[in-house]
């Protein structure tokens, strides 16, 4: 795999020669630095493919979370419906039992 980021070995070697390195030393250092740089870039920098994979994984996670949210919303709606039934049941109980009992106590 070639690196998308270039490392100009000729320019680097010329800069080293200007600092007093021999041509052979400058060339050797330039080649080794290019190798190390490319090795680092390939192992540590994300590629477009890496980013695409992460993007797809995030999309799937969001969809999965949306499904869980929908399940929770459905359960909450069922809970609210059950609560209404209980409220009606308590209301009927009050009418059927408590009111006649209170009437009997005060009559």
PDB file of N, CA and C in Angstrom:
ATOM      1  N   UNK A   1       0.856  -1.180   0.000  1.00  0.00           N
ATOM      2  CA  UNK A   1       0.000   0.000   0.000  1.00  0.00           C
ATOM      3  C   UNK A   1       0.895   1.235   0.000  1.00  0.00           C
ATOM      4  N   UNK A   2       0.627   2.170  -0.887  1.00  0.00           N
ATOM      5  CA  UNK A   2       1.447   3.370  -0.915  1.00  0.00           C
ATOM      6  C   UNK A   2       0.803   4.449  -0.065  1.00  0.00           C
ATOM      7  N   UNK A   3       1.658   5.260   0.497  1.00  0.00           N
ATOM      8  CA  UNK A   3       1.185   6.310   1.385  1.00  0.00           C
ATOM      9  C   UNK A   3       0.620   7.468   0.575  1.00  0.00           C
ATOM     10  N   UNK A   4      -0.466   8.036   1.027  1.00  0.00           N
ATOM     11  CA  UNK A   4      -1.058   9.182   0.358  1.00  0.00           C
ATOM     12  C   UNK A   4      -0.259  10.443   0.670  1.00  0.00           C
ATOM     13  N   UNK A   5       0.557  10.382   1.690  1.00  0.00           N
ATOM     14  CA  UNK A   5       1.389  11.503   2.080  1.00  0.00           C
ATOM     15  C   UNK A   5       2.793  11.232   1.546  1.00  0.00           C
ATOM     16  N   UNK A   6       3.342  12.192   0.808  1.00  0.00           N
ATOM     17  CA  UNK A   6       4.650  11.947   0.199  1.00  0.00           C
ATOM     18  C   UNK A   6       5.782  12.420   1.112  1.00  0.00           C
ATOM     19  N   UNK A   7       6.911  11.759   0.946  1.00  0.00           N
ATOM     20  CA  UNK A   7       8.127  12.114   1.678  1.00  0.00           C
ATOM     21  C   UNK A   7       9.204  12.313   0.623  1.00  0.00           C
ATOM     22  N   UNK A   8       9.605  13.560   0.425  1.00  0.00           N
ATOM     23  CA  UNK A   8      10.562  13.898  -0.633  1.00  0.00           C
ATOM     24  C   UNK A   8      11.978  13.566  -0.171  1.00  0.00           C
ATOM     25  N   UNK A   9      12.442  12.387  -0.577  1.00  0.00           N
ATOM     26  CA  UNK A   9      13.768  11.941  -0.125  1.00  0.00           C
ATOM     27  C   UNK A   9      14.882  12.783  -0.737  1.00  0.00           C
ATOM     28  N   UNK A  10      14.702  13.246  -1.968  1.00  0.00           N
ATOM     29  CA  UNK A  10      15.750  14.047  -2.609  1.00  0.00           C
ATOM     30  C   UNK A  10      15.938  15.373  -1.881  1.00  0.00           C
ATOM     31  N   UNK A  11      14.841  16.033  -1.593  1.00  0.00           N
ATOM     32  CA  UNK A  11      14.912  17.313  -0.880  1.00  0.00           C
ATOM     33  C   UNK A  11      15.515  17.114   0.516  1.00  0.00           C
ATOM     34  N   UNK A  12      15.090  16.034   1.175  1.00  0.00           N
ATOM     35  CA  UNK A  12      15.599  15.723   2.517  1.00  0.00           C
ATOM     36  C   UNK A  12      17.101  15.435   2.460  1.00  0.00           C
ATOM     37  N   UNK A  13      17.541  14.657   1.479  1.00  0.00           N
ATOM     38  CA  UNK A  13      18.963  14.330   1.336  1.00  0.00           C
ATOM     39  C   UNK A  13      19.779  15.592   1.054  1.00  0.00           C
ATOM     40  N   UNK A  14      19.247  16.465   0.209  1.00  0.00           N
ATOM     41  CA  UNK A  14      19.955  17.712  -0.081  1.00  0.00           C
ATOM     42  C   UNK A  14      20.089  18.572   1.172  1.00  0.00           C
ATOM     43  N   UNK A  15      19.019  18.611   1.995  1.00  0.00           N
ATOM     44  CA  UNK A  15      19.074  19.384   3.238  1.00  0.00           C
ATOM     45  C   UNK A  15      20.122  18.796   4.188  1.00  0.00           C
ATOM     46  N   UNK A  16      20.221  17.476   4.230  1.00  0.00           N
ATOM     47  CA  UNK A  16      21.227  16.834   5.087  1.00  0.00           C
ATOM     48  C   UNK A  16      22.643  17.122   4.570  1.00  0.00           C
ATOM     49  N   UNK A  17      22.816  17.074   3.256  1.00  0.00           N
ATOM     50  CA  UNK A  17      24.131  17.383   2.672  1.00  0.00           C
ATOM     51  C   UNK A  17      24.520  18.831   2.986  1.00  0.00           C
ATOM     52  N   UNK A  18      23.552  19.718   2.961  1.00  0.00           N
ATOM     53  CA  UNK A  18      23.826  21.129   3.264  1.00  0.00           C
ATOM     54  C   UNK A  18      24.271  21.301   4.718  1.00  0.00           C
ATOM     55  N   UNK A  19      23.887  20.359   5.579  1.00  0.00           N
ATOM     56  CA  UNK A  19      24.259  20.409   6.996  1.00  0.00           C
ATOM     57  C   UNK A  19      25.570  19.664   7.262  1.00  0.00           C
ATOM     58  N   UNK A  20      26.195  19.102   6.214  1.00  0.00           N
ATOM     59  CA  UNK A  20      27.482  18.475   6.393  1.00  0.00           C
ATOM     60  C   UNK A  20      27.513  16.959   6.264  1.00  0.00           C
ATOM     61  N   UNK A  21      26.392  16.327   6.003  1.00  0.00           N
ATOM     62  CA  UNK A  21      26.386  14.882   5.782  1.00  0.00           C
ATOM     63  C   UNK A  21      26.974  14.585   4.411  1.00  0.00           C
ATOM     64  N   UNK A  22      27.566  13.418   4.276  1.00  0.00           N
ATOM     65  CA  UNK A  22      28.017  13.001   2.948  1.00  0.00           C
ATOM     66  C   UNK A  22      26.801  12.612   2.131  1.00  0.00           C
ATOM     67  N   UNK A  23      26.983  12.539   0.818  1.00  0.00           N
ATOM     68  CA  UNK A  23      25.865  12.164  -0.061  1.00  0.00           C
ATOM     69  C   UNK A  23      25.360  10.770   0.300  1.00  0.00           C
ATOM     70  N   UNK A  24      26.290   9.870   0.594  1.00  0.00           N
ATOM     71  CA  UNK A  24      25.908   8.503   0.956  1.00  0.00           C
ATOM     72  C   UNK A  24      25.120   8.477   2.269  1.00  0.00           C
ATOM     73  N   UNK A  25      25.580   9.223   3.272  1.00  0.00           N
ATOM     74  CA  UNK A  25      24.870   9.283   4.566  1.00  0.00           C
ATOM     75  C   UNK A  25      23.481   9.904   4.386  1.00  0.00           C
ATOM     76  N   UNK A  26      23.440  10.992   3.624  1.00  0.00           N
ATOM     77  CA  UNK A  26      22.167  11.690   3.415  1.00  0.00           C
ATOM     78  C   UNK A  26      21.162  10.785   2.716  1.00  0.00           C
ATOM     79  N   UNK A  27      21.609  10.059   1.702  1.00  0.00           N
ATOM     80  CA  UNK A  27      20.718   9.160   0.972  1.00  0.00           C
ATOM     81  C   UNK A  27      20.225   8.022   1.870  1.00  0.00           C
ATOM     82  N   UNK A  28      21.137   7.456   2.656  1.00  0.00           N
ATOM     83  CA  UNK A  28      20.762   6.361   3.556  1.00  0.00           C
ATOM     84  C   UNK A  28      19.743   6.837   4.588  1.00  0.00           C
ATOM     85  N   UNK A  29      19.989   7.996   5.176  1.00  0.00           N
ATOM     86  CA  UNK A  29      19.040   8.545   6.164  1.00  0.00           C
ATOM     87  C   UNK A  29      17.695   8.854   5.509  1.00  0.00           C
ATOM     88  N   UNK A  30      17.723   9.427   4.321  1.00  0.00           N
ATOM     89  CA  UNK A  30      16.473   9.766   3.632  1.00  0.00           C
ATOM     90  C   UNK A  30      15.660   8.512   3.353  1.00  0.00           C
ATOM     91  N   UNK A  31      16.300   7.459   2.865  1.00  0.00           N
ATOM     92  CA  UNK A  31      15.587   6.216   2.568  1.00  0.00           C
ATOM     93  C   UNK A  31      15.025   5.585   3.838  1.00  0.00           C
ATOM     94  N   UNK A  32      15.816   5.562   4.894  1.00  0.00           N
ATOM     95  CA  UNK A  32      15.356   4.955   6.157  1.00  0.00           C
ATOM     96  C   UNK A  32      14.215   5.766   6.769  1.00  0.00           C
ATOM     97  N   UNK A  33      14.344   7.086   6.736  1.00  0.00           N
ATOM     98  CA  UNK A  33      13.261   7.926   7.269  1.00  0.00           C
ATOM     99  C   UNK A  33      11.982   7.760   6.454  1.00  0.00           C
ATOM    100  N   UNK A  34      12.127   7.619   5.138  1.00  0.00           N
ATOM    101  CA  UNK A  34      10.944   7.390   4.299  1.00  0.00           C
ATOM    102  C   UNK A  34      10.289   6.067   4.674  1.00  0.00           C
ATOM    103  N   UNK A  35      11.103   5.015   4.871  1.00  0.00           N
ATOM    104  CA  UNK A  35      10.563   3.709   5.239  1.00  0.00           C
ATOM    105  C   UNK A  35       9.819   3.790   6.571  1.00  0.00           C
ATOM    106  N   UNK A  36      10.443   4.436   7.564  1.00  0.00           N
ATOM    107  CA  UNK A  36       9.823   4.553   8.890  1.00  0.00           C
ATOM    108  C   UNK A  36       8.543   5.378   8.803  1.00  0.00           C
ATOM    109  N   UNK A  37       8.601   6.478   8.046  1.00  0.00           N
ATOM    110  CA  UNK A  37       7.432   7.331   7.885  1.00  0.00           C
ATOM    111  C   UNK A  37       6.277   6.566   7.242  1.00  0.00           C
ATOM    112  N   UNK A  38       6.564   5.843   6.168  1.00  0.00           N
ATOM    113  CA  UNK A  38       5.514   5.080   5.487  1.00  0.00           C
ATOM    114  C   UNK A  38       4.958   3.971   6.368  1.00  0.00           C
ATOM    115  N   UNK A  39       5.840   3.315   7.113  1.00  0.00           N
ATOM    116  CA  UNK A  39       5.398   2.260   8.035  1.00  0.00           C
ATOM    117  C   UNK A  39       4.457   2.839   9.089  1.00  0.00           C
ATOM    118  N   UNK A  40       4.836   3.996   9.628  1.00  0.00           N
ATOM    119  CA  UNK A  40       3.976   4.663  10.613  1.00  0.00           C
ATOM    120  C   UNK A  40       2.636   5.045   9.989  1.00  0.00           C
ATOM    121  N   UNK A  41       2.691   5.650   8.799  1.00  0.00           N
ATOM    122  CA  UNK A  41       1.464   6.110   8.143  1.00  0.00           C
ATOM    123  C   UNK A  41       0.512   4.947   7.876  1.00  0.00           C
ATOM    124  N   UNK A  42       1.056   3.830   7.418  1.00  0.00           N
ATOM    125  CA  UNK A  42       0.205   2.685   7.098  1.00  0.00           C
ATOM    126  C   UNK A  42      -0.376   2.019   8.335  1.00  0.00           C
ATOM    127  N   UNK A  43       0.344   2.078   9.450  1.00  0.00           N
ATOM    128  CA  UNK A  43      -0.145   1.383  10.641  1.00  0.00           C
ATOM    129  C   UNK A  43      -0.946   2.283  11.585  1.00  0.00           C
ATOM    130  N   UNK A  44      -0.764   3.598  11.503  1.00  0.00           N
ATOM    131  CA  UNK A  44      -1.385   4.481  12.487  1.00  0.00           C
ATOM    132  C   UNK A  44      -2.428   5.446  11.932  1.00  0.00           C
ATOM    133  N   UNK A  45      -2.387   5.713  10.644  1.00  0.00           N
ATOM    134  CA  UNK A  45      -3.318   6.681  10.071  1.00  0.00           C
ATOM    135  C   UNK A  45      -4.517   5.958   9.456  1.00  0.00           C
ATOM    136  N   UNK A  46      -5.681   6.548   9.637  1.00  0.00           N
ATOM    137  CA  UNK A  46      -6.902   5.945   9.100  1.00  0.00           C
ATOM    138  C   UNK A  46      -6.998   6.182   7.596  1.00  0.00           C
ATOM    139  N   UNK A  47      -7.448   5.166   6.909  1.00  0.00           N
ATOM    140  CA  UNK A  47      -7.674   5.287   5.469  1.00  0.00           C
ATOM    141  C   UNK A  47      -9.146   5.600   5.233  1.00  0.00           C
ATOM    142  N   UNK A  48      -9.478   5.915   3.995  1.00  0.00           N
ATOM    143  CA  UNK A  48     -10.889   6.139   3.661  1.00  0.00           C
ATOM    144  C   UNK A  48     -11.702   4.882   3.944  1.00  0.00           C
ATOM    145  N   UNK A  49     -11.098   3.724   3.678  1.00  0.00           N
ATOM    146  CA  UNK A  49     -11.789   2.463   3.934  1.00  0.00           C
ATOM    147  C   UNK A  49     -12.053   2.304   5.433  1.00  0.00           C
ATOM    148  N   UNK A  50     -11.048   2.637   6.269  1.00  0.00           N
ATOM    149  CA  UNK A  50     -11.232   2.565   7.719  1.00  0.00           C
ATOM    150  C   UNK A  50     -12.389   3.460   8.159  1.00  0.00           C
ATOM    151  N   UNK A  51     -12.421   4.674   7.636  1.00  0.00           N
ATOM    152  CA  UNK A  51     -13.471   5.625   8.001  1.00  0.00           C
ATOM    153  C   UNK A  51     -14.837   5.137   7.529  1.00  0.00           C
ATOM    154  N   UNK A  52     -14.882   4.535   6.349  1.00  0.00           N
ATOM    155  CA  UNK A  52     -16.149   4.001   5.836  1.00  0.00           C
ATOM    156  C   UNK A  52     -16.672   2.891   6.738  1.00  0.00           C
ATOM    157  N   UNK A  53     -15.773   1.999   7.165  1.00  0.00           N
ATOM    158  CA  UNK A  53     -16.171   0.886   8.042  1.00  0.00           C
ATOM    159  C   UNK A  53     -16.732   1.431   9.353  1.00  0.00           C
ATOM    160  N   UNK A  54     -16.046   2.401   9.948  1.00  0.00           N
ATOM    161  CA  UNK A  54     -16.508   2.984  11.207  1.00  0.00           C
ATOM    162  C   UNK A  54     -17.856   3.678  11.008  1.00  0.00           C
ATOM    163  N   UNK A  55     -17.989   4.375   9.898  1.00  0.00           N
ATOM    164  CA  UNK A  55     -19.257   5.052   9.595  1.00  0.00           C
ATOM    165  C   UNK A  55     -20.407   4.053   9.514  1.00  0.00           C
ATOM    166  N   UNK A  56     -20.188   2.939   8.830  1.00  0.00           N
ATOM    167  CA  UNK A  56     -21.233   1.921   8.698  1.00  0.00           C
ATOM    168  C   UNK A  56     -21.560   1.288  10.052  1.00  0.00           C
ATOM    169  N   UNK A  57     -20.528   1.058  10.875  1.00  0.00           N
ATOM    170  CA  UNK A  57     -20.758   0.495  12.211  1.00  0.00           C
ATOM    171  C   UNK A  57     -21.579   1.452  13.065  1.00  0.00           C
ATOM    172  N   UNK A  58     -21.281   2.742  12.979  1.00  0.00           N
ATOM    173  CA  UNK A  58     -22.042   3.740  13.737  1.00  0.00           C
ATOM    174  C   UNK A  58     -23.491   3.818  13.263  1.00  0.00           C
ATOM    175  N   UNK A  59     -23.683   3.748  11.950  1.00  0.00           N
ATOM    176  CA  UNK A  59     -25.052   3.754  11.420  1.00  0.00           C
ATOM    177  C   UNK A  59     -25.848   2.580  11.987  1.00  0.00           C
ATOM    178  N   UNK A  60     -25.219   1.399  11.988  1.00  0.00           N
ATOM    179  CA  UNK A  60     -25.899   0.209  12.487  1.00  0.00           C
ATOM    180  C   UNK A  60     -26.202   0.348  13.976  1.00  0.00           C
ATOM    181  N   UNK A  61     -25.258   0.899  14.720  1.00  0.00           N
ATOM    182  CA  UNK A  61     -25.479   1.083  16.161  1.00  0.00           C
ATOM    183  C   UNK A  61     -26.624   2.055  16.424  1.00  0.00           C
ATOM    184  N   UNK A  62     -26.696   3.098  15.623  1.00  0.00           N
ATOM    185  CA  UNK A  62     -27.798   4.061  15.768  1.00  0.00           C
ATOM    186  C   UNK A  62     -29.126   3.377  15.454  1.00  0.00           C
ATOM    187  N   UNK A  63     -29.156   2.570  14.394  1.00  0.00           N
ATOM    188  CA  UNK A  63     -30.393   1.851  14.047  1.00  0.00           C
ATOM    189  C   UNK A  63     -30.790   0.883  15.157  1.00  0.00           C
ATOM    190  N   UNK A  64     -29.794   0.175  15.718  1.00  0.00           N
ATOM    191  CA  UNK A  64     -30.079  -0.752  16.813  1.00  0.00           C
ATOM    192  C   UNK A  64     -30.639  -0.004  18.017  1.00  0.00           C
ATOM    193  N   UNK A  65     -30.036   1.143  18.328  1.00  0.00           N
ATOM    194  CA  UNK A  65     -30.510   1.931  19.455  1.00  0.00           C
ATOM    195  C   UNK A  65     -31.908   2.472  19.191  1.00  0.00           C
ATOM    196  N   UNK A  66     -32.195   2.821  17.948  1.00  0.00           N
ATOM    197  CA  UNK A  66     -33.533   3.303  17.610  1.00  0.00           C
ATOM    198  C   UNK A  66     -34.560   2.197  17.830  1.00  0.00           C
ATOM    199  N   UNK A  67     -34.194   0.956  17.496  1.00  0.00           N
ATOM    200  CA  UNK A  67     -35.106  -0.167  17.726  1.00  0.00           C
ATOM    201  C   UNK A  67     -35.381  -0.342  19.219  1.00  0.00           C
ATOM    202  N   UNK A  68     -34.350  -0.208  20.034  1.00  0.00           N
ATOM    203  CA  UNK A  68     -34.543  -0.315  21.484  1.00  0.00           C
ATOM    204  C   UNK A  68     -35.426   0.827  21.994  1.00  0.00           C
ATOM    205  N   UNK A  69     -35.208   2.023  21.463  1.00  0.00           N
ATOM    206  CA  UNK A  69     -36.028   3.164  21.850  1.00  0.00           C
ATOM    207  C   UNK A  69     -37.490   2.925  21.477  1.00  0.00           C
ATOM    208  N   UNK A  70     -37.709   2.389  20.287  1.00  0.00           N
ATOM    209  CA  UNK A  70     -39.086   2.089  19.865  1.00  0.00           C
ATOM    210  C   UNK A  70     -39.726   1.051  20.784  1.00  0.00           C
ATOM    211  N   UNK A  71     -38.957   0.032  21.190  1.00  0.00           N
ATOM    212  CA  UNK A  71     -39.476  -0.973  22.117  1.00  0.00           C
ATOM    213  C   UNK A  71     -39.847  -0.339  23.451  1.00  0.00           C
ATOM    214  N   UNK A  72     -38.985   0.552  23.951  1.00  0.00           N
ATOM    215  CA  UNK A  72     -39.285   1.230  25.219  1.00  0.00           C
ATOM    216  C   UNK A  72     -40.528   2.104  25.096  1.00  0.00           C
ATOM    217  N   UNK A  73     -40.659   2.802  23.978  1.00  0.00           N
ATOM    218  CA  UNK A  73     -41.850   3.637  23.774  1.00  0.00           C
ATOM    219  C   UNK A  73     -43.112   2.779  23.740  1.00  0.00           C
ATOM    220  N   UNK A  74     -43.049   1.620  23.099  1.00  0.00           N
ATOM    221  CA  UNK A  74     -44.209   0.719  23.058  1.00  0.00           C
ATOM    222  C   UNK A  74     -44.552   0.209  24.455  1.00  0.00           C
ATOM    223  N   UNK A  75     -43.534  -0.157  25.219  1.00  0.00           N
ATOM    224  CA  UNK A  75     -43.781  -0.630  26.590  1.00  0.00           C
ATOM    225  C   UNK A  75     -44.377   0.475  27.448  1.00  0.00           C
ATOM    226  N   UNK A  76     -43.883   1.705  27.277  1.00  0.00           N
ATOM    227  CA  UNK A  76     -44.412   2.820  28.050  1.00  0.00           C
ATOM    228  C   UNK A  76     -45.868   3.082  27.681  1.00  0.00           C
ATOM    229  N   UNK A  77     -46.183   2.997  26.398  1.00  0.00           N
ATOM    230  CA  UNK A  77     -47.574   3.190  25.961  1.00  0.00           C
ATOM    231  C   UNK A  77     -48.470   2.112  26.561  1.00  0.00           C
ATOM    232  N   UNK A  78     -47.985   0.862  26.606  1.00  0.00           N
ATOM    233  CA  UNK A  78     -48.756  -0.226  27.213  1.00  0.00           C
ATOM    234  C   UNK A  78     -48.939   0.020  28.705  1.00  0.00           C
ATOM    235  N   UNK A  79     -47.879   0.503  29.355  1.00  0.00           N
ATOM    236  CA  UNK A  79     -47.957   0.817  30.782  1.00  0.00           C
ATOM    237  C   UNK A  79     -49.008   1.900  31.038  1.00  0.00           C
ATOM    238  N   UNK A  80     -49.025   2.924  30.188  1.00  0.00           N
ATOM    239  CA  UNK A  80     -50.019   3.988  30.346  1.00  0.00           C
ATOM    240  C   UNK A  80     -51.438   3.437  30.170  1.00  0.00           C
ATOM    241  N   UNK A  81     -51.619   2.536  29.209  1.00  0.00           N
ATOM    242  CA  UNK A  81     -52.943   1.936  28.992  1.00  0.00           C
ATOM    243  C   UNK A  81     -53.341   1.098  30.208  1.00  0.00           C
ATOM    244  N   UNK A  82     -52.390   0.330  30.740  1.00  0.00           N
ATOM    245  CA  UNK A  82     -52.675  -0.474  31.932  1.00  0.00           C
ATOM    246  C   UNK A  82     -53.022   0.418  33.122  1.00  0.00           C
ATOM    247  N   UNK A  83     -52.329   1.539  33.236  1.00  0.00           N
ATOM    248  CA  UNK A  83     -52.585   2.466  34.338  1.00  0.00           C
ATOM    249  C   UNK A  83     -53.997   3.050  34.243  1.00  0.00           C
ATOM    250  N   UNK A  84     -54.423   3.354  33.035  1.00  0.00           N
ATOM    251  CA  UNK A  84     -55.802   3.864  32.857  1.00  0.00           C
ATOM    252  C   UNK A  84     -56.824   2.821  33.317  1.00  0.00           C
ATOM    253  N   UNK A  85     -56.572   1.555  32.983  1.00  0.00           N
ATOM    254  CA  UNK A  85     -57.480   0.478  33.396  1.00  0.00           C
ATOM    255  C   UNK A  85     -57.519   0.392  34.923  1.00  0.00           C
ATOM    256  N   UNK A  86     -56.352   0.503  35.553  1.00  0.00           N
ATOM    257  CA  UNK A  86     -56.295   0.457  37.022  1.00  0.00           C
ATOM    258  C   UNK A  86     -57.043   1.653  37.614  1.00  0.00           C
ATOM    259  N   UNK A  87     -56.877   2.826  37.021  1.00  0.00           N
ATOM    260  CA  UNK A  87     -57.597   4.003  37.528  1.00  0.00           C
ATOM    261  C   UNK A  87     -59.110   3.804  37.443  1.00  0.00           C
ATOM    262  N   UNK A  88     -59.570   3.249  36.333  1.00  0.00           N
ATOM    263  CA  UNK A  88     -60.997   2.968  36.200  1.00  0.00           C
ATOM    264  C   UNK A  88     -61.444   1.941  37.242  1.00  0.00           C
ATOM    265  N   UNK A  89     -60.603   0.923  37.453  1.00  0.00           N
ATOM    266  CA  UNK A  89     -60.944  -0.110  38.435  1.00  0.00           C
ATOM    267  C   UNK A  89     -61.059   0.471  39.833  1.00  0.00           C
ATOM    268  N   UNK A  90     -60.137   1.360  40.188  1.00  0.00           N
ATOM    269  CA  UNK A  90     -60.191   2.006  41.515  1.00  0.00           C
ATOM    270  C   UNK A  90     -61.434   2.884  41.600  1.00  0.00           C
ATOM    271  N   UNK A  91     -61.745   3.576  40.532  1.00  0.00           N
ATOM    272  CA  UNK A  91     -62.946   4.419  40.529  1.00  0.00           C
ATOM    273  C   UNK A  91     -64.207   3.593  40.740  1.00  0.00           C
ATOM    274  N   UNK A  92     -64.298   2.472  40.042  1.00  0.00           N
ATOM    275  CA  UNK A  92     -65.466   1.589  40.201  1.00  0.00           C
ATOM    276  C   UNK A  92     -65.513   1.026  41.614  1.00  0.00           C
ATOM    277  N   UNK A  93     -64.338   0.658  42.160  1.00  0.00           N
ATOM    278  CA  UNK A  93     -64.274   0.140  43.533  1.00  0.00           C
ATOM    279  C   UNK A  93     -64.776   1.179  44.527  1.00  0.00           C
ATOM    280  N   UNK A  94     -64.375   2.418  44.328  1.00  0.00           N
ATOM    281  CA  UNK A  94     -64.825   3.495  45.221  1.00  0.00           C
ATOM    282  C   UNK A  94     -66.342   3.625  45.135  1.00  0.00           C
ATOM    283  N   UNK A  95     -66.853   3.602  43.945  1.00  0.00           N
ATOM    284  CA  UNK A  95     -68.301   3.757  43.770  1.00  0.00           C
ATOM    285  C   UNK A  95     -69.047   2.557  44.362  1.00  0.00           C
ATOM    286  N   UNK A  96     -68.543   1.351  44.116  1.00  0.00           N
ATOM    287  CA  UNK A  96     -69.268   0.144  44.512  1.00  0.00           C
ATOM    288  C   UNK A  96     -69.121  -0.173  45.989  1.00  0.00           C
ATOM    289  N   UNK A  97     -67.983   0.175  46.627  1.00  0.00           N
ATOM    290  CA  UNK A  97     -67.751  -0.268  48.001  1.00  0.00           C
ATOM    291  C   UNK A  97     -67.692   0.901  48.986  1.00  0.00           C
ATOM    292  N   UNK A  98     -66.905   1.868  48.684  1.00  0.00           N
ATOM    293  CA  UNK A  98     -66.649   2.934  49.656  1.00  0.00           C
ATOM    294  C   UNK A  98     -67.880   3.810  49.856  1.00  0.00           C
ATOM    295  N   UNK A  99     -68.521   4.212  48.772  1.00  0.00           N
ATOM    296  CA  UNK A  99     -69.683   5.099  48.929  1.00  0.00           C
ATOM    297  C   UNK A  99     -70.799   4.416  49.719  1.00  0.00           C
ATOM    298  N   UNK A 100     -71.189   3.170  49.423  1.00  0.00           N
ATOM    299  CA  UNK A 100     -72.230   2.536  50.243  1.00  0.00           C
ATOM    300  C   UNK A 100     -71.801   2.384  51.711  1.00  0.00           C
ATOM    301  N   UNK A 101     -70.522   2.128  51.950  1.00  0.00           N
ATOM    302  CA  UNK A 101     -70.030   1.988  53.323  1.00  0.00           C
ATOM    303  C   UNK A 101     -70.142   3.318  54.062  1.00  0.00           C
ATOM    304  N   UNK A 102     -69.756   4.378  53.432  1.00  0.00           N
ATOM    305  CA  UNK A 102     -69.836   5.710  54.048  1.00  0.00           C
ATOM    306  C   UNK A 102     -71.295   6.072  54.294  1.00  0.00           C
ATOM    307  N   UNK A 103     -72.168   5.764  53.346  1.00  0.00           N
ATOM    308  CA  UNK A 103     -73.601   6.028  53.534  1.00  0.00           C
ATOM    309  C   UNK A 103     -74.147   5.263  54.735  1.00  0.00           C
ATOM    310  N   UNK A 104     -73.723   4.016  54.851  1.00  0.00           N
ATOM    311  CA  UNK A 104     -74.200   3.185  55.964  1.00  0.00           C
ATOM    312  C   UNK A 104     -73.712   3.731  57.288  1.00  0.00           C
ATOM    313  N   UNK A 105     -72.531   4.284  57.344  1.00  0.00           N
ATOM    314  CA  UNK A 105     -72.007   4.835  58.586  1.00  0.00           C
ATOM    315  C   UNK A 105     -72.755   6.089  59.027  1.00  0.00           C
ATOM    316  N   UNK A 106     -73.220   6.897  58.087  1.00  0.00           N
ATOM    317  CA  UNK A 106     -73.869   8.158  58.429  1.00  0.00           C
ATOM    318  C   UNK A 106     -75.387   8.091  58.360  1.00  0.00           C
ATOM    319  N   UNK A 107     -75.941   6.951  58.126  1.00  0.00           N
ATOM    320  CA  UNK A 107     -77.397   6.886  58.106  1.00  0.00           C
ATOM    321  C   UNK A 107     -77.952   6.300  59.368  1.00  0.00           C
TER     322      UNK A 107
END
